[in-house]
Amino acid sequence: MSRQIEGHLELRRQEIVVRSPMRGLYTAVAVLCVGPLAAGCGGEGEAAGQGEILLLPSASAGPEPFTASTVTPGAPPALPPVASAPKSPSGGGVTLRTLSGATPGLYAGTQQVGDCDVGRQAGLLAADRDKARAFAEAAEVERSGVAAYLRGLTPVVLRADIRVTGHAFHDGSAVARQAVLQAGTAILVDQYGAPRVRCASGTPLKAPVAARTAMVTKGKAWPGYRADRTLVIKPAGQPVNNLLLVSVVDSGWIERPTGTDGADDARPASLPPVDPAQVFADPGRTEQDGAVDSAGAEGASPPAQPPAAEPQPVPPAPPVGPDLPAAPQPDLPPDPVQGGPDLVEPEPADPGPGMGADGGAGADPAVPEPVGPEPVEPYGPAPEFPAEGDVLQR
């Protein structure tokens, strides 16, 4: 038994020696993939690509597609500049910027034209039982509900490269893989604005997963591709009734109701407070709620806090006591008008030792209570007086 164990350990040592020269290459190629979601690497995608990130050009079906392309021919969108992602605070590459699926101008489209033929997509899956079953499993819907699921999605076009978990149809099953979709890719999004189907291949899409190992990119990069300018799209916090798209024709705004194919498009009644060309240029528009780009909130500077108000000095109150002259009555503000806003009373201060409940000197049982209208308390805290018998320190 001990010889078998020693033989196994020797085999493991040999494997390490053989593989270790490649590690430097992997790290050099995938330096932007180190760290959590640095390129959204690893996780589920390792089953299909063995540590790969697949680059998918907009017009390519990619390897092992689910269906033929259902993309509607049209003009490509104007691509705006995309700011680079910040470096990870841990020094392990970059942290991908993340935007909500409800971000105005995140997607593009053509007025009253669906960028993907949803009916044809449903028909292609219905014609292949195995692919329909695999699609339903990856999309986490019932097999009988695939067509209804597709008709509830909205066709749009990407305006930036995004990271996703795609799927390959391999040996009758959907196998997850990490991928980057090129800007200009037609996809279907759900009611939260999250990518769900790639129209060029019928591939189910899900959110990317974090990296567990060093990754390598597979496929030819397109002009302008940079890993640190790849975005992650997270579902909006609540359902989106209308997506605000950028027109591929005139770069104006289009309001597309979710779950429609473009037939109900309209110009928005009020324009978003952002220029369509600047949606991705400002890193400050990145989501900062700590639940999106795995380290985005940690790497960001906290918002500036307004300066605290300077404390106002309180004038000392004139002394009041049985052997001292009465304090002059201050001018009091008029009584509030009946029916006006409620006024909030300040919390009374702690009277402290040797003080009465009203902030004055301790009650003397030999002095009778004054008769007459109750004196008005002067502004500011009353000073403390020494009790009888106390020795004053000079």
Protein backbone atom coordinates (compact mmCIF):
# COMPACT_ATOMS: atom_id res chain seq x y z
CA MET A 1 0.00 0.00 0.00
CA SER A 2 2.82 2.39 0.92
CA ARG A 3 4.46 1.77 -2.47
CA GLN A 4 1.21 2.64 -4.23
CA ILE A 5 0.97 5.87 -2.28
CA GLU A 6 4.59 6.73 -3.04
CA GLY A 7 4.02 5.93 -6.71
CA HIS A 8 0.96 8.20 -6.77
CA LEU A 9 2.88 11.04 -5.13
CA GLU A 10 5.71 10.59 -7.60
CA LEU A 11 3.20 10.81 -10.45
CA ARG A 12 1.79 14.02 -9.01
CA ARG A 13 5.31 15.48 -8.73
CA GLN A 14 5.95 14.62 -12.35
CA GLU A 15 2.71 16.29 -13.43
CA ILE A 16 3.63 19.45 -11.57
CA VAL A 17 7.06 19.54 -13.15
CA VAL A 18 5.55 19.11 -16.61
CA ARG A 19 2.85 21.73 -16.15
CA SER A 20 4.76 24.37 -14.25
CA PRO A 21 6.55 25.84 -17.32
CA MET A 22 3.12 26.68 -18.77
CA ARG A 23 1.96 28.60 -15.74
CA GLY A 24 3.99 31.64 -16.60
CA LEU A 25 2.43 31.68 -20.07
CA TYR A 26 -1.08 31.33 -18.68
CA THR A 27 -0.52 34.09 -16.19
CA ALA A 28 0.97 36.40 -18.81
CA VAL A 29 -1.90 35.81 -21.22
CA ALA A 30 -4.62 36.10 -18.60
CA VAL A 31 -3.23 38.67 -16.22
CA LEU A 32 -6.54 40.51 -16.41
CA CYS A 33 -8.36 37.35 -15.40
CA VAL A 34 -6.76 36.96 -11.99
CA GLY A 35 -8.92 37.83 -9.02
CA PRO A 36 -12.68 37.62 -8.46
CA LEU A 37 -14.52 38.30 -11.71
CA ALA A 38 -11.39 39.95 -13.06
CA ALA A 39 -12.41 38.57 -16.38
CA GLY A 40 -15.33 36.72 -14.90
CA CYS A 41 -13.28 33.59 -15.29
CA GLY A 42 -13.61 30.02 -14.11
CA GLY A 43 -16.52 28.49 -12.25
CA GLU A 44 -19.13 26.91 -14.49
CA GLY A 45 -17.17 27.72 -17.64
CA GLU A 46 -14.33 25.40 -16.69
CA ALA A 47 -16.49 22.39 -17.57
CA ALA A 48 -16.66 23.41 -21.23
CA GLY A 49 -13.50 25.36 -21.89
CA GLN A 50 -11.07 24.05 -19.25
CA GLY A 51 -10.11 27.52 -18.03
CA GLU A 52 -10.92 29.41 -21.25
CA ILE A 53 -12.77 32.59 -22.07
CA LEU A 54 -14.29 32.40 -25.54
CA LEU A 55 -14.31 35.58 -27.64
CA LEU A 56 -17.48 35.66 -29.76
CA PRO A 57 -17.68 38.22 -32.59
CA SER A 58 -21.12 39.68 -33.19
CA ALA A 59 -21.80 37.84 -36.46
CA SER A 60 -20.29 34.49 -35.48
CA ALA A 61 -22.43 31.55 -34.38
CA GLY A 62 -19.53 30.19 -32.37
CA PRO A 63 -18.79 26.52 -31.70
CA GLU A 64 -21.66 24.10 -31.00
CA PRO A 65 -24.61 26.53 -31.34
CA PHE A 66 -28.15 25.66 -30.30
CA THR A 67 -29.85 27.00 -33.43
CA ALA A 68 -29.17 28.85 -36.65
CA SER A 69 -28.96 32.62 -36.46
CA THR A 70 -32.23 34.51 -35.98
CA VAL A 71 -30.64 37.98 -36.15
CA THR A 72 -32.61 40.53 -38.17
CA PRO A 73 -30.29 42.24 -40.69
CA GLY A 74 -29.73 45.90 -39.95
CA ALA A 75 -27.20 48.64 -39.45
CA PRO A 76 -24.64 48.17 -36.66
CA PRO A 77 -24.84 50.63 -33.76
CA ALA A 78 -22.45 53.52 -33.30
CA LEU A 79 -20.01 52.38 -30.63
CA PRO A 80 -19.35 54.90 -27.86
CA PRO A 81 -16.06 55.10 -25.94
CA VAL A 82 -15.82 52.79 -22.93
CA ALA A 83 -13.70 53.72 -19.93
CA SER A 84 -11.21 51.18 -18.62
CA ALA A 85 -11.97 49.27 -15.46
CA PRO A 86 -10.02 50.15 -12.31
CA LYS A 87 -7.30 47.87 -11.07
CA SER A 88 -8.30 45.49 -8.30
CA PRO A 89 -7.37 46.74 -4.81
CA SER A 90 -5.79 43.34 -4.14
CA GLY A 91 -3.46 43.77 -7.12
CA GLY A 92 -4.88 40.76 -8.97
CA GLY A 93 -5.75 42.34 -12.32
CA VAL A 94 -8.82 44.53 -12.86
CA THR A 95 -12.33 44.60 -11.54
CA LEU A 96 -14.86 44.68 -14.36
CA ARG A 97 -17.27 47.60 -14.37
CA THR A 98 -20.87 46.60 -13.82
CA LEU A 99 -23.99 48.38 -15.02
CA SER A 100 -27.64 47.76 -14.22
CA GLY A 101 -29.83 46.35 -16.97
CA ALA A 102 -32.04 49.43 -16.58
CA THR A 103 -29.24 51.88 -17.51
CA PRO A 104 -30.46 54.26 -20.26
CA GLY A 105 -28.39 53.78 -23.42
CA LEU A 106 -26.97 50.43 -22.35
CA TYR A 107 -28.47 48.85 -25.50
CA ALA A 108 -29.23 49.97 -29.04
CA GLY A 109 -32.03 49.16 -31.46
CA THR A 110 -33.89 50.13 -34.61
CA GLN A 111 -37.17 52.02 -34.31
CA GLN A 112 -40.08 49.53 -34.57
CA VAL A 113 -37.79 46.73 -35.76
CA GLY A 114 -36.94 43.68 -33.69
CA ASP A 115 -33.23 42.88 -33.82
CA CYS A 116 -33.97 39.19 -33.35
CA ASP A 117 -36.77 37.07 -34.82
CA VAL A 118 -38.24 35.67 -31.60
CA GLY A 119 -40.91 33.61 -33.36
CA ARG A 120 -38.33 31.89 -35.54
CA GLN A 121 -36.12 31.27 -32.52
CA ALA A 122 -38.97 29.51 -30.75
CA GLY A 123 -39.76 27.47 -33.87
CA LEU A 124 -36.17 26.27 -34.28
CA LEU A 125 -36.05 25.00 -30.70
CA ALA A 126 -39.48 23.41 -30.96
CA ALA A 127 -38.27 21.43 -33.98
CA ASP A 128 -35.45 19.79 -31.99
CA ARG A 129 -36.57 18.11 -28.79
CA ASP A 130 -33.07 17.51 -27.41
CA LYS A 131 -31.99 21.09 -27.94
CA ALA A 132 -35.24 22.40 -26.49
CA ARG A 133 -34.74 20.26 -23.37
CA ALA A 134 -31.11 21.37 -22.98
CA PHE A 135 -32.11 25.02 -23.54
CA ALA A 136 -34.86 24.74 -20.89
CA GLU A 137 -32.40 23.29 -18.36
CA ALA A 138 -29.84 26.05 -18.94
CA ALA A 139 -32.47 28.80 -18.89
CA GLU A 140 -34.14 27.23 -15.82
CA VAL A 141 -37.61 27.09 -17.36
CA GLU A 142 -40.03 24.25 -18.08
CA ARG A 143 -39.59 22.44 -21.39
CA SER A 144 -43.19 23.23 -22.31
CA GLY A 145 -42.68 26.90 -21.48
CA VAL A 146 -39.70 27.66 -23.75
CA ALA A 147 -41.78 29.45 -26.41
CA ALA A 148 -43.59 31.59 -23.84
CA TYR A 149 -40.29 32.38 -22.16
CA LEU A 150 -38.77 33.60 -25.45
CA ARG A 151 -41.81 35.73 -26.28
CA GLY A 152 -41.46 37.47 -22.92
CA LEU A 153 -37.94 38.66 -23.79
CA THR A 154 -36.94 41.87 -25.60
CA PRO A 155 -34.58 42.08 -28.62
CA VAL A 156 -31.76 44.63 -28.30
CA VAL A 157 -28.20 45.18 -29.57
CA LEU A 158 -25.12 45.51 -27.36
CA ARG A 159 -23.26 48.83 -27.39
CA ALA A 160 -20.22 47.49 -25.51
CA ASP A 161 -18.39 44.19 -25.08
CA ILE A 162 -19.86 42.23 -22.17
CA ARG A 163 -18.90 39.18 -20.11
CA VAL A 164 -21.43 36.38 -19.78
CA THR A 165 -21.80 32.71 -19.09
CA GLY A 166 -22.78 31.21 -22.44
CA HIS A 167 -23.59 27.57 -23.26
CA ALA A 168 -22.56 25.05 -25.88
CA PHE A 169 -24.85 22.25 -27.05
CA HIS A 170 -22.50 19.31 -26.49
CA ASP A 171 -23.49 15.62 -26.47
CA GLY A 172 -27.15 16.47 -26.01
CA SER A 173 -26.61 18.82 -23.05
CA ALA A 174 -26.01 22.50 -22.38
CA VAL A 175 -22.43 22.99 -21.17
CA ALA A 176 -21.58 26.35 -19.57
CA ARG A 177 -18.63 28.38 -20.77
CA GLN A 178 -17.32 31.84 -20.01
CA ALA A 179 -17.48 34.20 -22.99
CA VAL A 180 -17.17 37.79 -24.14
CA LEU A 181 -19.82 39.07 -26.55
CA GLN A 182 -18.73 41.78 -28.97
CA ALA A 183 -20.50 45.11 -29.14
CA GLY A 184 -23.10 44.96 -31.94
CA THR A 185 -24.31 41.48 -30.91
CA ALA A 186 -28.09 41.00 -31.01
CA ILE A 187 -29.43 39.47 -27.80
CA LEU A 188 -32.69 38.97 -25.93
CA VAL A 189 -33.01 40.50 -22.45
CA ASP A 190 -35.53 39.79 -19.70
CA GLN A 191 -37.77 42.21 -17.80
CA TYR A 192 -34.81 43.20 -15.61
CA GLY A 193 -32.65 44.11 -18.63
CA ALA A 194 -30.34 41.10 -18.12
CA PRO A 195 -28.98 39.18 -21.18
CA ARG A 196 -30.74 35.82 -21.63
CA VAL A 197 -30.28 34.61 -25.26
CA ARG A 198 -27.71 35.23 -27.99
CA CYS A 199 -29.62 35.47 -31.26
CA ALA A 200 -26.74 34.42 -33.56
CA SER A 201 -26.63 30.95 -31.97
CA GLY A 202 -29.76 30.51 -29.84
CA THR A 203 -27.47 30.18 -26.82
CA PRO A 204 -28.89 30.68 -23.32
CA LEU A 205 -27.03 33.39 -21.39
CA LYS A 206 -26.48 33.84 -17.68
CA ALA A 207 -24.39 36.09 -15.46
CA PRO A 208 -20.62 35.49 -15.50
CA VAL A 209 -18.95 33.65 -12.63
CA ALA A 210 -15.83 34.47 -10.66
CA ALA A 211 -12.38 33.25 -11.55
CA ARG A 212 -10.88 30.32 -9.67
CA THR A 213 -7.82 29.69 -11.82
CA ALA A 214 -5.71 31.53 -14.36
CA MET A 215 -7.58 31.71 -17.66
CA VAL A 216 -6.67 31.95 -21.33
CA THR A 217 -8.70 33.60 -24.06
CA LYS A 218 -9.77 31.51 -27.04
CA GLY A 219 -10.68 32.96 -30.41
CA LYS A 220 -9.49 35.94 -32.40
CA ALA A 221 -9.91 39.31 -30.76
CA TRP A 222 -11.71 41.95 -32.81
CA PRO A 223 -10.30 45.45 -33.38
CA GLY A 224 -10.71 47.54 -30.26
CA TYR A 225 -11.15 44.62 -27.88
CA ARG A 226 -9.63 45.14 -24.44
CA ALA A 227 -10.37 42.95 -21.44
CA ASP A 228 -10.35 45.92 -19.06
CA ARG A 229 -13.10 47.61 -21.10
CA THR A 230 -15.45 44.64 -20.92
CA LEU A 231 -18.62 45.23 -18.90
CA VAL A 232 -20.82 43.06 -16.73
CA ILE A 233 -24.58 43.62 -16.82
CA LYS A 234 -26.56 42.79 -13.70
CA PRO A 235 -30.36 42.57 -13.45
CA ALA A 236 -32.11 45.76 -12.39
CA GLY A 237 -33.42 45.87 -8.84
CA GLN A 238 -37.03 45.82 -10.05
CA PRO A 239 -38.84 45.02 -13.29
CA VAL A 240 -38.32 47.54 -16.10
CA ASN A 241 -41.43 48.55 -18.01
CA ASN A 242 -39.58 50.38 -20.81
CA LEU A 243 -36.00 50.08 -22.01
CA LEU A 244 -34.37 53.29 -23.24
CA LEU A 245 -32.36 52.32 -26.31
CA VAL A 246 -30.11 54.32 -28.62
CA SER A 247 -31.22 54.34 -32.26
CA VAL A 248 -28.75 52.81 -34.70
CA VAL A 249 -30.10 55.20 -37.35
CA ASP A 250 -29.78 58.65 -35.78
CA SER A 251 -28.36 57.97 -32.28
CA GLY A 252 -31.57 59.33 -30.76
CA TRP A 253 -33.54 57.73 -27.96
CA ILE A 254 -36.05 54.89 -28.38
CA GLU A 255 -38.44 53.74 -25.67
CA ARG A 256 -39.16 50.01 -26.09
CA PRO A 257 -41.65 48.26 -23.77
CA THR A 258 -40.15 45.08 -22.35
CA GLY A 259 -41.56 41.88 -23.79
CA THR A 260 -42.22 43.48 -27.21
CA ASP A 261 -40.45 43.02 -30.54
CA GLY A 262 -40.19 46.73 -31.41
CA ALA A 263 -43.68 47.25 -32.85
CA ASP A 264 -44.62 49.47 -29.89
CA ASP A 265 -41.47 51.61 -29.95
CA ALA A 266 -41.85 55.34 -29.34
CA ARG A 267 -39.80 58.39 -28.61
CA PRO A 268 -39.58 58.92 -24.83
CA ALA A 269 -41.65 61.77 -23.41
CA SER A 270 -38.68 62.91 -21.30
CA LEU A 271 -35.07 62.40 -22.31
CA PRO A 272 -32.56 60.76 -19.93
CA PRO A 273 -30.03 63.12 -18.29
CA VAL A 274 -27.10 61.59 -20.20
CA ASP A 275 -25.73 61.89 -23.71
CA PRO A 276 -25.95 58.57 -25.63
CA ALA A 277 -22.27 58.86 -26.55
CA GLN A 278 -21.20 59.21 -22.89
CA VAL A 279 -23.03 56.26 -21.30
CA PHE A 280 -19.86 54.18 -20.85
CA ALA A 281 -17.27 56.95 -20.78
CA ASP A 282 -17.75 57.90 -17.13
CA PRO A 283 -16.51 55.30 -14.60
CA GLY A 284 -18.63 57.06 -12.00
CA ARG A 285 -21.72 55.58 -13.63
CA THR A 286 -20.56 52.13 -12.58
CA GLU A 287 -22.82 50.47 -10.05
CA GLN A 288 -21.39 50.91 -6.54
CA ASP A 289 -23.75 48.88 -4.34
CA GLY A 290 -21.19 46.18 -3.54
CA ALA A 291 -23.18 43.38 -5.17
CA VAL A 292 -22.16 43.66 -8.79
CA ASP A 293 -18.54 43.67 -9.87
CA SER A 294 -17.29 41.76 -6.83
CA ALA A 295 -14.90 44.47 -5.74
CA GLY A 296 -16.26 47.58 -7.38
CA ALA A 297 -17.53 49.17 -4.20
CA GLU A 298 -14.35 48.31 -2.33
CA GLY A 299 -12.14 49.86 -4.99
CA ALA A 300 -14.16 53.02 -5.34
CA SER A 301 -13.63 56.16 -3.32
CA PRO A 302 -16.44 56.84 -0.87
CA PRO A 303 -18.73 59.73 -1.79
CA ALA A 304 -17.69 63.05 -0.36
CA GLN A 305 -19.59 64.00 2.78
CA PRO A 306 -20.83 67.57 3.23
CA PRO A 307 -18.83 69.49 5.85
CA ALA A 308 -20.36 69.52 9.30
CA ALA A 309 -21.96 72.76 10.39
CA GLU A 310 -19.81 74.90 12.63
CA PRO A 311 -21.09 74.85 16.24
CA GLN A 312 -22.63 78.16 17.20
CA PRO A 313 -21.49 79.65 20.54
CA VAL A 314 -24.23 79.93 23.15
CA PRO A 315 -24.15 83.15 25.22
CA PRO A 316 -24.09 82.55 28.99
CA ALA A 317 -27.39 83.01 30.72
CA PRO A 318 -27.71 85.73 33.37
CA PRO A 319 -27.70 84.23 36.87
CA VAL A 320 -31.04 83.86 38.57
CA GLY A 321 -31.47 83.03 42.26
CA PRO A 322 -33.19 84.13 45.44
CA ASP A 323 -30.43 86.66 46.32
CA LEU A 324 -29.76 87.90 42.77
CA PRO A 325 -31.69 90.34 40.60
CA ALA A 326 -34.08 88.81 38.17
CA ALA A 327 -32.82 88.23 34.67
CA PRO A 328 -34.15 90.51 31.94
CA GLN A 329 -36.87 88.99 29.85
CA PRO A 330 -35.63 88.15 26.30
CA ASP A 331 -37.69 88.96 23.25
CA LEU A 332 -39.58 85.79 22.48
CA PRO A 333 -40.75 84.81 19.01
CA PRO A 334 -44.46 85.05 18.42
CA ASP A 335 -46.57 81.97 19.01
CA PRO A 336 -46.88 79.70 15.99
CA VAL A 337 -49.94 80.18 13.87
CA GLN A 338 -52.66 77.65 14.54
CA GLY A 339 -52.67 74.89 11.95
CA GLY A 340 -48.99 75.45 11.03
CA PRO A 341 -46.30 72.78 10.94
CA ASP A 342 -45.52 70.88 14.11
CA LEU A 343 -42.50 72.13 15.97
CA VAL A 344 -39.97 69.73 17.38
CA GLU A 345 -38.84 70.38 20.86
CA PRO A 346 -35.17 69.84 21.66
CA GLU A 347 -34.21 67.17 24.16
CA PRO A 348 -33.61 68.63 27.65
CA ALA A 349 -29.97 68.56 28.74
CA ASP A 350 -28.75 66.49 31.68
CA PRO A 351 -28.92 68.82 34.70
CA GLY A 352 -25.73 67.35 36.21
CA PRO A 353 -24.76 67.07 39.91
CA GLY A 354 -26.05 69.64 42.32
CA MET A 355 -28.65 70.91 39.85
CA GLY A 356 -32.39 70.72 39.93
CA ALA A 357 -34.57 69.12 37.30
CA ASP A 358 -35.10 72.52 35.70
CA GLY A 359 -31.35 73.21 35.36
CA GLY A 360 -31.25 75.69 38.29
CA ALA A 361 -29.66 75.35 41.69
CA GLY A 362 -30.80 72.59 44.03
CA ALA A 363 -34.14 73.30 45.75
CA ASP A 364 -33.89 74.91 49.19
CA PRO A 365 -36.75 73.76 51.47
CA ALA A 366 -36.42 77.00 53.50
CA VAL A 367 -37.19 79.20 50.52
CA PRO A 368 -40.87 79.24 49.54
CA GLU A 369 -41.85 78.70 45.97
CA PRO A 370 -42.41 82.07 44.17
CA VAL A 371 -45.98 83.00 43.47
CA GLY A 372 -46.92 84.48 40.16
CA PRO A 373 -46.54 83.68 36.47
CA GLU A 374 -43.96 81.05 35.68
CA PRO A 375 -40.67 82.70 34.66
CA VAL A 376 -39.51 82.19 31.14
CA GLU A 377 -36.34 80.12 30.91
CA PRO A 378 -33.54 82.15 29.32
CA TYR A 379 -31.75 80.88 26.23
CA GLY A 380 -28.74 78.66 26.73
CA PRO A 381 -27.81 76.37 29.59
CA ALA A 382 -27.89 77.75 33.15
CA PRO A 383 -24.53 77.89 34.94
CA GLU A 384 -23.80 75.64 37.87
CA PHE A 385 -23.34 77.30 41.22
CA PRO A 386 -21.39 75.90 44.16
CA ALA A 387 -23.41 74.51 46.98
CA GLU A 388 -23.13 75.93 50.46
CA GLY A 389 -20.00 74.81 52.18
CA ASP A 390 -17.99 74.24 49.00
CA VAL A 391 -14.57 75.80 48.88
CA LEU A 392 -13.83 77.85 45.81
CA GLN A 393 -10.44 77.21 44.21
CA ARG A 394 -8.61 80.25 42.97
